[in-house]
C-alpha atoms as a PDB file:
ATOM      1  CA  UNK A   1     164.018  30.404  64.025  1.00  0.00           C
ATOM      2  CA  UNK A   2     162.756  26.938  63.006  1.00  0.00           C
ATOM      3  CA  UNK A   3     164.733  24.148  64.585  1.00  0.00           C
ATOM      4  CA  UNK A   4     166.771  21.996  62.211  1.00  0.00           C
ATOM      5  CA  UNK A   5     166.453  18.227  62.108  1.00  0.00           C
ATOM      6  CA  UNK A   6     162.722  18.109  62.790  1.00  0.00           C
ATOM      7  CA  UNK A   7     160.701  15.686  60.690  1.00  0.00           C
ATOM      8  CA  UNK A   8     157.010  16.398  60.128  1.00  0.00           C
ATOM      9  CA  UNK A   9     154.869  13.508  58.887  1.00  0.00           C
ATOM     10  CA  UNK A  10     151.143  13.606  58.146  1.00  0.00           C
ATOM     11  CA  UNK A  11     149.042  10.647  59.219  1.00  0.00           C
ATOM     12  CA  UNK A  12     147.026  10.267  56.020  1.00  0.00           C
ATOM     13  CA  UNK A  13     144.495   7.894  57.575  1.00  0.00           C
ATOM     14  CA  UNK A  14     143.691  10.491  60.234  1.00  0.00           C
ATOM     15  CA  UNK A  15     142.058  12.980  57.841  1.00  0.00           C
ATOM     16  CA  UNK A  16     138.402  13.589  58.657  1.00  0.00           C
ATOM     17  CA  UNK A  17     135.691  15.746  57.092  1.00  0.00           C
ATOM     18  CA  UNK A  18     132.131  16.240  58.323  1.00  0.00           C
ATOM     19  CA  UNK A  19     129.179  18.226  56.999  1.00  0.00           C
ATOM     20  CA  UNK A  20     126.129  19.223  59.057  1.00  0.00           C
ATOM     21  CA  UNK A  21     123.444  21.768  58.115  1.00  0.00           C
ATOM     22  CA  UNK A  22     125.680  23.303  55.477  1.00  0.00           C
ATOM     23  CA  UNK A  23     128.600  23.739  57.880  1.00  0.00           C
ATOM     24  CA  UNK A  24     131.773  21.783  57.163  1.00  0.00           C
ATOM     25  CA  UNK A  25     134.532  20.832  59.594  1.00  0.00           C
ATOM     26  CA  UNK A  26     137.669  18.780  59.158  1.00  0.00           C
ATOM     27  CA  UNK A  27     141.008  17.898  60.668  1.00  0.00           C
ATOM     28  CA  UNK A  28     144.456  16.546  59.792  1.00  0.00           C
ATOM     29  CA  UNK A  29     147.054  15.087  62.136  1.00  0.00           C
ATOM     30  CA  UNK A  30     150.829  15.376  61.891  1.00  0.00           C
ATOM     31  CA  UNK A  31     153.650  13.798  63.901  1.00  0.00           C
ATOM     32  CA  UNK A  32     156.698  15.957  64.668  1.00  0.00           C
ATOM     33  CA  UNK A  33     159.897  14.238  65.819  1.00  0.00           C
ATOM     34  CA  UNK A  34     163.674  14.415  65.618  1.00  0.00           C
ATOM     35  CA  UNK A  35     165.187  11.656  63.485  1.00  0.00           C
ATOM     36  CA  UNK A  36     168.283  11.673  65.706  1.00  0.00           C
ATOM     37  CA  UNK A  37     166.110  10.745  68.670  1.00  0.00           C
ATOM     38  CA  UNK A  38     166.490  14.053  70.521  1.00  0.00           C
ATOM     39  CA  UNK A  39     163.437  15.266  72.447  1.00  0.00           C
ATOM     40  CA  UNK A  40     161.672  18.255  70.948  1.00  0.00           C
ATOM     41  CA  UNK A  41     160.271  21.179  72.877  1.00  0.00           C
ATOM     42  CA  UNK A  42     156.832  22.643  72.191  1.00  0.00           C
ATOM     43  CA  UNK A  43     158.422  25.866  70.959  1.00  0.00           C
ATOM     44  CA  UNK A  44     160.517  23.981  68.412  1.00  0.00           C
ATOM     45  CA  UNK A  45     157.447  22.193  67.075  1.00  0.00           C
ATOM     46  CA  UNK A  46     155.338  25.343  66.893  1.00  0.00           C
ATOM     47  CA  UNK A  47     158.066  27.106  64.905  1.00  0.00           C
ATOM     48  CA  UNK A  48     158.519  24.221  62.494  1.00  0.00           C
ATOM     49  CA  UNK A  49     157.666  25.285  58.958  1.00  0.00           C
ATOM     50  CA  UNK A  50     155.475  22.904  57.003  1.00  0.00           C
ATOM     51  CA  UNK A  51     152.358  22.914  59.143  1.00  0.00           C
ATOM     52  CA  UNK A  52     149.320  24.442  57.361  1.00  0.00           C
ATOM     53  CA  UNK A  53     148.927  28.106  58.275  1.00  0.00           C
ATOM     54  CA  UNK A  54     145.788  30.050  59.192  1.00  0.00           C
ATOM     55  CA  UNK A  55     143.278  30.199  56.256  1.00  0.00           C
ATOM     56  CA  UNK A  56     145.211  27.521  54.287  1.00  0.00           C
ATOM     57  CA  UNK A  57     142.813  25.259  52.391  1.00  0.00           C
ATOM     58  CA  UNK A  58     142.178  21.587  53.053  1.00  0.00           C
ATOM     59  CA  UNK A  59     143.715  19.443  50.267  1.00  0.00           C
ATOM     60  CA  UNK A  60     140.575  17.287  49.925  1.00  0.00           C
ATOM     61  CA  UNK A  61     137.870  19.959  50.380  1.00  0.00           C
ATOM     62  CA  UNK A  62     138.811  23.486  49.234  1.00  0.00           C
ATOM     63  CA  UNK A  63     135.893  25.206  51.003  1.00  0.00           C
ATOM     64  CA  UNK A  64     137.584  24.289  54.300  1.00  0.00           C
ATOM     65  CA  UNK A  65     140.191  26.644  55.755  1.00  0.00           C
ATOM     66  CA  UNK A  66     142.482  26.270  58.757  1.00  0.00           C
ATOM     67  CA  UNK A  67     140.955  27.697  61.948  1.00  0.00           C
ATOM     68  CA  UNK A  68     143.528  26.494  64.479  1.00  0.00           C
ATOM     69  CA  UNK A  69     146.202  23.973  65.487  1.00  0.00           C
ATOM     70  CA  UNK A  70     146.639  22.035  68.734  1.00  0.00           C
ATOM     71  CA  UNK A  71     149.796  20.321  69.990  1.00  0.00           C
ATOM     72  CA  UNK A  72     149.989  17.386  72.397  1.00  0.00           C
ATOM     73  CA  UNK A  73     152.937  15.171  73.425  1.00  0.00           C
ATOM     74  CA  UNK A  74     152.766  11.487  72.552  1.00  0.00           C
ATOM     75  CA  UNK A  75     152.883   9.328  75.653  1.00  0.00           C
ATOM     76  CA  UNK A  76     154.588   6.360  74.003  1.00  0.00           C
ATOM     77  CA  UNK A  77     157.313   8.380  72.254  1.00  0.00           C
ATOM     78  CA  UNK A  78     159.202  10.853  74.445  1.00  0.00           C
ATOM     79  CA  UNK A  79     159.838  14.209  72.742  1.00  0.00           C
ATOM     80  CA  UNK A  80     157.453  13.428  69.875  1.00  0.00           C
ATOM     81  CA  UNK A  81     154.419  15.648  69.313  1.00  0.00           C
ATOM     82  CA  UNK A  82     151.035  15.158  67.666  1.00  0.00           C
ATOM     83  CA  UNK A  83     149.811  18.258  65.824  1.00  0.00           C
ATOM     84  CA  UNK A  84     146.086  18.440  64.989  1.00  0.00           C
ATOM     85  CA  UNK A  85     145.042  21.034  62.413  1.00  0.00           C
ATOM     86  CA  UNK A  86     141.348  22.046  62.478  1.00  0.00           C
ATOM     87  CA  UNK A  87     139.374  23.290  59.472  1.00  0.00           C
ATOM     88  CA  UNK A  88     135.960  24.909  59.008  1.00  0.00           C
ATOM     89  CA  UNK A  89     133.830  26.350  56.217  1.00  0.00           C
ATOM     90  CA  UNK A  90     130.354  26.238  54.695  1.00  0.00           C
ATOM     91  CA  UNK A  91     128.756  25.346  51.390  1.00  0.00           C
ATOM     92  CA  UNK A  92     128.446  28.929  50.171  1.00  0.00           C
ATOM     93  CA  UNK A  93     132.153  29.644  50.644  1.00  0.00           C
ATOM     94  CA  UNK A  94     134.976  29.419  53.116  1.00  0.00           C
ATOM     95  CA  UNK A  95     133.134  31.652  55.545  1.00  0.00           C
ATOM     96  CA  UNK A  96     136.178  32.470  57.678  1.00  0.00           C
ATOM     97  CA  UNK A  97     136.439  36.219  57.111  1.00  0.00           C
ATOM     98  CA  UNK A  98     134.460  39.073  58.644  1.00  0.00           C
ATOM     99  CA  UNK A  99     131.472  40.155  56.573  1.00  0.00           C
ATOM    100  CA  UNK A 100     130.737  36.720  55.144  1.00  0.00           C
ATOM    101  CA  UNK A 101     126.974  36.051  55.197  1.00  0.00           C
ATOM    102  CA  UNK A 102     125.094  32.880  54.240  1.00  0.00           C
ATOM    103  CA  UNK A 103     121.384  32.079  54.238  1.00  0.00           C
ATOM    104  CA  UNK A 104     119.501  28.804  54.560  1.00  0.00           C
ATOM    105  CA  UNK A 105     115.753  28.335  53.983  1.00  0.00           C
ATOM    106  CA  UNK A 106     113.739  25.358  55.257  1.00  0.00           C
ATOM    107  CA  UNK A 107     110.032  24.617  54.865  1.00  0.00           C
ATOM    108  CA  UNK A 108     108.490  22.633  57.726  1.00  0.00           C
ATOM    109  CA  UNK A 109     105.017  21.851  59.064  1.00  0.00           C
ATOM    110  CA  UNK A 110     103.798  22.653  62.566  1.00  0.00           C
ATOM    111  CA  UNK A 111     100.525  21.162  63.771  1.00  0.00           C
ATOM    112  CA  UNK A 112      98.276  23.633  65.602  1.00  0.00           C
ATOM    113  CA  UNK A 113      94.758  23.399  67.040  1.00  0.00           C
ATOM    114  CA  UNK A 114      91.997  25.138  65.064  1.00  0.00           C
ATOM    115  CA  UNK A 115      88.241  25.512  65.485  1.00  0.00           C
ATOM    116  CA  UNK A 116      87.684  27.191  62.090  1.00  0.00           C
ATOM    117  CA  UNK A 117      89.074  26.612  58.611  1.00  0.00           C
ATOM    118  CA  UNK A 118      89.052  28.911  55.568  1.00  0.00           C
ATOM    119  CA  UNK A 119      89.507  31.819  57.963  1.00  0.00           C
ATOM    120  CA  UNK A 120      91.599  34.834  56.966  1.00  0.00           C
ATOM    121  CA  UNK A 121      93.663  36.272  59.833  1.00  0.00           C
ATOM    122  CA  UNK A 122      93.660  40.068  60.236  1.00  0.00           C
ATOM    123  CA  UNK A 123      96.841  41.907  59.304  1.00  0.00           C
ATOM    124  CA  UNK A 124      96.600  44.394  62.157  1.00  0.00           C
ATOM    125  CA  UNK A 125      96.030  43.967  65.886  1.00  0.00           C
ATOM    126  CA  UNK A 126      94.263  40.636  66.231  1.00  0.00           C
ATOM    127  CA  UNK A 127      93.491  40.194  69.907  1.00  0.00           C
ATOM    128  CA  UNK A 128      89.853  39.208  70.528  1.00  0.00           C
ATOM    129  CA  UNK A 129      88.831  39.464  66.859  1.00  0.00           C
ATOM    130  CA  UNK A 130      86.049  36.977  66.064  1.00  0.00           C
ATOM    131  CA  UNK A 131      86.825  34.403  63.411  1.00  0.00           C
ATOM    132  CA  UNK A 132      84.582  33.700  60.469  1.00  0.00           C
ATOM    133  CA  UNK A 133      85.095  30.655  58.231  1.00  0.00           C
ATOM    134  CA  UNK A 134      83.797  27.108  58.514  1.00  0.00           C
ATOM    135  CA  UNK A 135      83.431  25.178  61.762  1.00  0.00           C
ATOM    136  CA  UNK A 136      85.992  22.363  61.957  1.00  0.00           C
ATOM    137  CA  UNK A 137      85.738  21.274  65.588  1.00  0.00           C
ATOM    138  CA  UNK A 138      83.512  18.524  66.936  1.00  0.00           C
ATOM    139  CA  UNK A 139      81.726  19.160  70.185  1.00  0.00           C
ATOM    140  CA  UNK A 140      84.099  21.977  71.021  1.00  0.00           C
ATOM    141  CA  UNK A 141      87.228  19.893  70.456  1.00  0.00           C
ATOM    142  CA  UNK A 142      89.664  21.478  67.985  1.00  0.00           C
ATOM    143  CA  UNK A 143      91.340  19.613  65.144  1.00  0.00           C
ATOM    144  CA  UNK A 144      95.022  19.579  64.235  1.00  0.00           C
ATOM    145  CA  UNK A 145      95.879  21.751  61.267  1.00  0.00           C
ATOM    146  CA  UNK A 146      99.161  21.352  59.310  1.00  0.00           C
ATOM    147  CA  UNK A 147     100.578  24.886  59.316  1.00  0.00           C
ATOM    148  CA  UNK A 148     103.465  25.531  56.873  1.00  0.00           C
ATOM    149  CA  UNK A 149     106.350  27.421  58.491  1.00  0.00           C
ATOM    150  CA  UNK A 150     109.341  28.852  56.634  1.00  0.00           C
ATOM    151  CA  UNK A 151     112.544  28.815  58.685  1.00  0.00           C
ATOM    152  CA  UNK A 152     115.285  31.233  57.647  1.00  0.00           C
ATOM    153  CA  UNK A 153     118.781  30.933  59.121  1.00  0.00           C
ATOM    154  CA  UNK A 154     121.182  33.791  58.535  1.00  0.00           C
ATOM    155  CA  UNK A 155     124.796  33.100  59.487  1.00  0.00           C
ATOM    156  CA  UNK A 156     127.284  35.946  59.498  1.00  0.00           C
ATOM    157  CA  UNK A 157     130.899  36.391  60.552  1.00  0.00           C
ATOM    158  CA  UNK A 158     131.591  39.359  62.809  1.00  0.00           C
ATOM    159  CA  UNK A 159     134.677  40.666  64.576  1.00  0.00           C
ATOM    160  CA  UNK A 160     133.103  41.159  68.009  1.00  0.00           C
ATOM    161  CA  UNK A 161     131.225  38.826  70.340  1.00  0.00           C
ATOM    162  CA  UNK A 162     127.443  39.039  69.823  1.00  0.00           C
ATOM    163  CA  UNK A 163     125.492  41.204  72.271  1.00  0.00           C
ATOM    164  CA  UNK A 164     122.997  38.637  73.537  1.00  0.00           C
ATOM    165  CA  UNK A 165     121.431  41.162  75.925  1.00  0.00           C
ATOM    166  CA  UNK A 166     120.558  43.302  72.919  1.00  0.00           C
ATOM    167  CA  UNK A 167     119.400  40.332  70.851  1.00  0.00           C
ATOM    168  CA  UNK A 168     117.163  39.101  73.671  1.00  0.00           C
ATOM    169  CA  UNK A 169     115.080  42.274  73.255  1.00  0.00           C
ATOM    170  CA  UNK A 170     114.036  41.036  69.788  1.00  0.00           C
ATOM    171  CA  UNK A 171     113.247  37.396  70.607  1.00  0.00           C
ATOM    172  CA  UNK A 172     109.560  36.478  70.034  1.00  0.00           C
ATOM    173  CA  UNK A 173     108.871  39.790  68.303  1.00  0.00           C
ATOM    174  CA  UNK A 174     107.320  40.093  64.850  1.00  0.00           C
ATOM    175  CA  UNK A 175     108.381  42.382  62.033  1.00  0.00           C
ATOM    176  CA  UNK A 176     106.519  45.694  62.157  1.00  0.00           C
ATOM    177  CA  UNK A 177     107.283  46.393  58.475  1.00  0.00           C
ATOM    178  CA  UNK A 178     108.223  44.372  55.390  1.00  0.00           C
ATOM    179  CA  UNK A 179     111.233  42.183  56.209  1.00  0.00           C
ATOM    180  CA  UNK A 180     113.142  40.415  53.423  1.00  0.00           C
ATOM    181  CA  UNK A 181     110.010  40.632  51.275  1.00  0.00           C
ATOM    182  CA  UNK A 182     107.730  39.163  53.963  1.00  0.00           C
ATOM    183  CA  UNK A 183     104.669  41.235  54.933  1.00  0.00           C
ATOM    184  CA  UNK A 184     104.407  42.907  58.356  1.00  0.00           C
ATOM    185  CA  UNK A 185     103.726  40.614  61.350  1.00  0.00           C
ATOM    186  CA  UNK A 186     104.490  37.438  59.421  1.00  0.00           C
ATOM    187  CA  UNK A 187     108.052  36.878  60.728  1.00  0.00           C
ATOM    188  CA  UNK A 188     109.110  36.088  64.313  1.00  0.00           C
ATOM    189  CA  UNK A 189     112.714  36.306  65.524  1.00  0.00           C
ATOM    190  CA  UNK A 190     113.641  33.015  67.197  1.00  0.00           C
ATOM    191  CA  UNK A 191     117.063  33.842  68.634  1.00  0.00           C
ATOM    192  CA  UNK A 192     120.731  33.202  67.840  1.00  0.00           C
ATOM    193  CA  UNK A 193     123.657  30.884  68.424  1.00  0.00           C
ATOM    194  CA  UNK A 194     127.343  31.709  68.119  1.00  0.00           C
ATOM    195  CA  UNK A 195     130.793  30.186  68.143  1.00  0.00           C
ATOM    196  CA  UNK A 196     134.290  31.589  67.869  1.00  0.00           C
ATOM    197  CA  UNK A 197     135.954  30.255  64.722  1.00  0.00           C
ATOM    198  CA  UNK A 198     139.271  32.112  65.016  1.00  0.00           C
ATOM    199  CA  UNK A 199     140.983  34.537  67.400  1.00  0.00           C
ATOM    200  CA  UNK A 200     139.253  37.459  65.691  1.00  0.00           C
ATOM    201  CA  UNK A 201     136.056  36.010  64.174  1.00  0.00           C
ATOM    202  CA  UNK A 202     132.692  35.101  65.715  1.00  0.00           C
ATOM    203  CA  UNK A 203     130.164  33.162  63.650  1.00  0.00           C
ATOM    204  CA  UNK A 204     126.626  34.166  64.620  1.00  0.00           C
ATOM    205  CA  UNK A 205     123.571  32.297  63.328  1.00  0.00           C
ATOM    206  CA  UNK A 206     120.129  33.947  63.586  1.00  0.00           C
ATOM    207  CA  UNK A 207     116.839  32.099  63.052  1.00  0.00           C
ATOM    208  CA  UNK A 208     113.565  33.610  61.835  1.00  0.00           C
ATOM    209  CA  UNK A 209     110.176  31.907  61.420  1.00  0.00           C
ATOM    210  CA  UNK A 210     107.694  33.052  58.760  1.00  0.00           C
ATOM    211  CA  UNK A 211     103.991  32.129  58.834  1.00  0.00           C
ATOM    212  CA  UNK A 212     102.084  33.326  55.779  1.00  0.00           C
ATOM    213  CA  UNK A 213      98.888  31.385  56.540  1.00  0.00           C
ATOM    214  CA  UNK A 214      97.942  32.334  60.116  1.00  0.00           C
ATOM    215  CA  UNK A 215     100.415  35.180  60.704  1.00  0.00           C
ATOM    216  CA  UNK A 216     101.459  33.447  63.962  1.00  0.00           C
ATOM    217  CA  UNK A 217      97.953  33.907  65.400  1.00  0.00           C
ATOM    218  CA  UNK A 218      96.078  31.198  67.264  1.00  0.00           C
ATOM    219  CA  UNK A 219      92.390  30.346  67.694  1.00  0.00           C
ATOM    220  CA  UNK A 220      90.587  30.376  71.045  1.00  0.00           C
ATOM    221  CA  UNK A 221      86.972  29.419  71.683  1.00  0.00           C
ATOM    222  CA  UNK A 222      84.777  31.397  74.072  1.00  0.00           C
ATOM    223  CA  UNK A 223      83.702  29.554  77.229  1.00  0.00           C
ATOM    224  CA  UNK A 224      80.503  29.562  79.264  1.00  0.00           C
ATOM    225  CA  UNK A 225      80.073  30.234  82.980  1.00  0.00           C
ATOM    226  CA  UNK A 226      81.356  26.739  83.744  1.00  0.00           C
ATOM    227  CA  UNK A 227      84.493  27.392  81.693  1.00  0.00           C
ATOM    228  CA  UNK A 228      83.431  24.887  79.075  1.00  0.00           C
ATOM    229  CA  UNK A 229      83.471  25.766  75.379  1.00  0.00           C
ATOM    230  CA  UNK A 230      80.261  27.631  74.566  1.00  0.00           C
ATOM    231  CA  UNK A 231      78.467  25.464  72.013  1.00  0.00           C
ATOM    232  CA  UNK A 232      76.247  26.240  69.001  1.00  0.00           C
ATOM    233  CA  UNK A 233      74.986  24.422  65.918  1.00  0.00           C
ATOM    234  CA  UNK A 234      76.001  24.628  62.297  1.00  0.00           C
ATOM    235  CA  UNK A 235      74.386  27.469  60.389  1.00  0.00           C
ATOM    236  CA  UNK A 236      74.728  29.502  57.210  1.00  0.00           C
ATOM    237  CA  UNK A 237      77.277  31.876  58.710  1.00  0.00           C
ATOM    238  CA  UNK A 238      79.497  29.128  60.130  1.00  0.00           C
ATOM    239  CA  UNK A 239      78.677  25.997  58.129  1.00  0.00           C
ATOM    240  CA  UNK A 240      78.932  22.654  59.932  1.00  0.00           C
ATOM    241  CA  UNK A 241      77.313  19.259  59.397  1.00  0.00           C
ATOM    242  CA  UNK A 242      73.583  19.293  60.209  1.00  0.00           C
ATOM    243  CA  UNK A 243      72.894  18.548  63.861  1.00  0.00           C
ATOM    244  CA  UNK A 244      76.557  18.847  64.805  1.00  0.00           C
ATOM    245  CA  UNK A 245      77.445  21.136  67.678  1.00  0.00           C
ATOM    246  CA  UNK A 246      80.455  23.389  67.375  1.00  0.00           C
ATOM    247  CA  UNK A 247      82.199  26.184  69.240  1.00  0.00           C
ATOM    248  CA  UNK A 248      79.785  29.116  69.136  1.00  0.00           C
ATOM    249  CA  UNK A 249      82.359  31.923  69.036  1.00  0.00           C
ATOM    250  CA  UNK A 250      86.044  31.613  68.178  1.00  0.00           C
ATOM    251  CA  UNK A 251      88.508  34.479  68.319  1.00  0.00           C
ATOM    252  CA  UNK A 252      91.991  35.188  67.067  1.00  0.00           C
ATOM    253  CA  UNK A 253      94.574  35.615  69.816  1.00  0.00           C
ATOM    254  CA  UNK A 254      98.067  36.982  69.354  1.00  0.00           C
ATOM    255  CA  UNK A 255     100.893  35.208  71.242  1.00  0.00           C
ATOM    256  CA  UNK A 256     103.449  37.653  69.779  1.00  0.00           C
ATOM    257  CA  UNK A 257     101.876  41.103  70.108  1.00  0.00           C
ATOM    258  CA  UNK A 258     105.170  43.032  70.215  1.00  0.00           C
ATOM    259  CA  UNK A 259     106.800  44.136  66.957  1.00  0.00           C
ATOM    260  CA  UNK A 260     110.249  45.465  66.088  1.00  0.00           C
ATOM    261  CA  UNK A 261     112.578  46.268  63.231  1.00  0.00           C
ATOM    262  CA  UNK A 262     114.116  42.796  62.844  1.00  0.00           C
ATOM    263  CA  UNK A 263     116.833  44.104  60.533  1.00  0.00           C
ATOM    264  CA  UNK A 264     118.510  45.505  63.640  1.00  0.00           C
ATOM    265  CA  UNK A 265     119.641  42.043  64.767  1.00  0.00           C
ATOM    266  CA  UNK A 266     121.805  41.599  61.659  1.00  0.00           C
ATOM    267  CA  UNK A 267     125.277  43.079  61.360  1.00  0.00           C
ATOM    268  CA  UNK A 268     125.171  43.053  57.550  1.00  0.00           C
ATOM    269  CA  UNK A 269     122.293  43.522  55.076  1.00  0.00           C
ATOM    270  CA  UNK A 270     121.028  40.497  53.157  1.00  0.00           C
ATOM    271  CA  UNK A 271     119.027  40.320  49.955  1.00  0.00           C
ATOM    272  CA  UNK A 272     116.833  37.754  48.214  1.00  0.00           C
END
């Protein structure tokens, strides 16, 4: 039973709200004390009605819901307790119940070394395939190419802790079939992070990287017996400025040769 005579006061100036990468957190602080000056026990404070309950909404930001409450005694006031209520949520909803899924897409640029431009990567097995296209290197030195990369983050709430041993079997593997509309071998699974948001809910965030320009392949120039780049000169088949030497033969190499059904890492289906 709640103890009578307990006063619960919110410290209005203590309210805080923070947003980062679409995830919102917040807190409110309350002071619990007995107006008659009697010391309160932790049990009396915990049973005091008036504190926000689990899943209650934040008064200043309704997408935030209560995820927990902590209690600590105040050193300067014997028998008085400070109660901190924590909130969490995300921009697509409260995100505190099992089955909630949110997606975030980001477009970034990664600079990679290339010897050829206007080269179309093969869709199948690429190891050791010679590259056509135009010579872009100078004297066997590659140039930096701005490669667009699409980053997809899928965050889902599940009722069990993620199986990271299972997930590790998919890291650095490409999709063997169409995945969320992306063609085969264009998406790499980058791993996952997780945090426990309530006694029964784990929030797991997966990251995928899509490369529609080079299909995650890289370029490697053949070398001569001295392990230097084997050089040639610009010609009709591999145009280069007249009199300029270039890497004679350049091949596609595949840093992610293994493929998998990437849908298996997700607990719930997603659609675009």
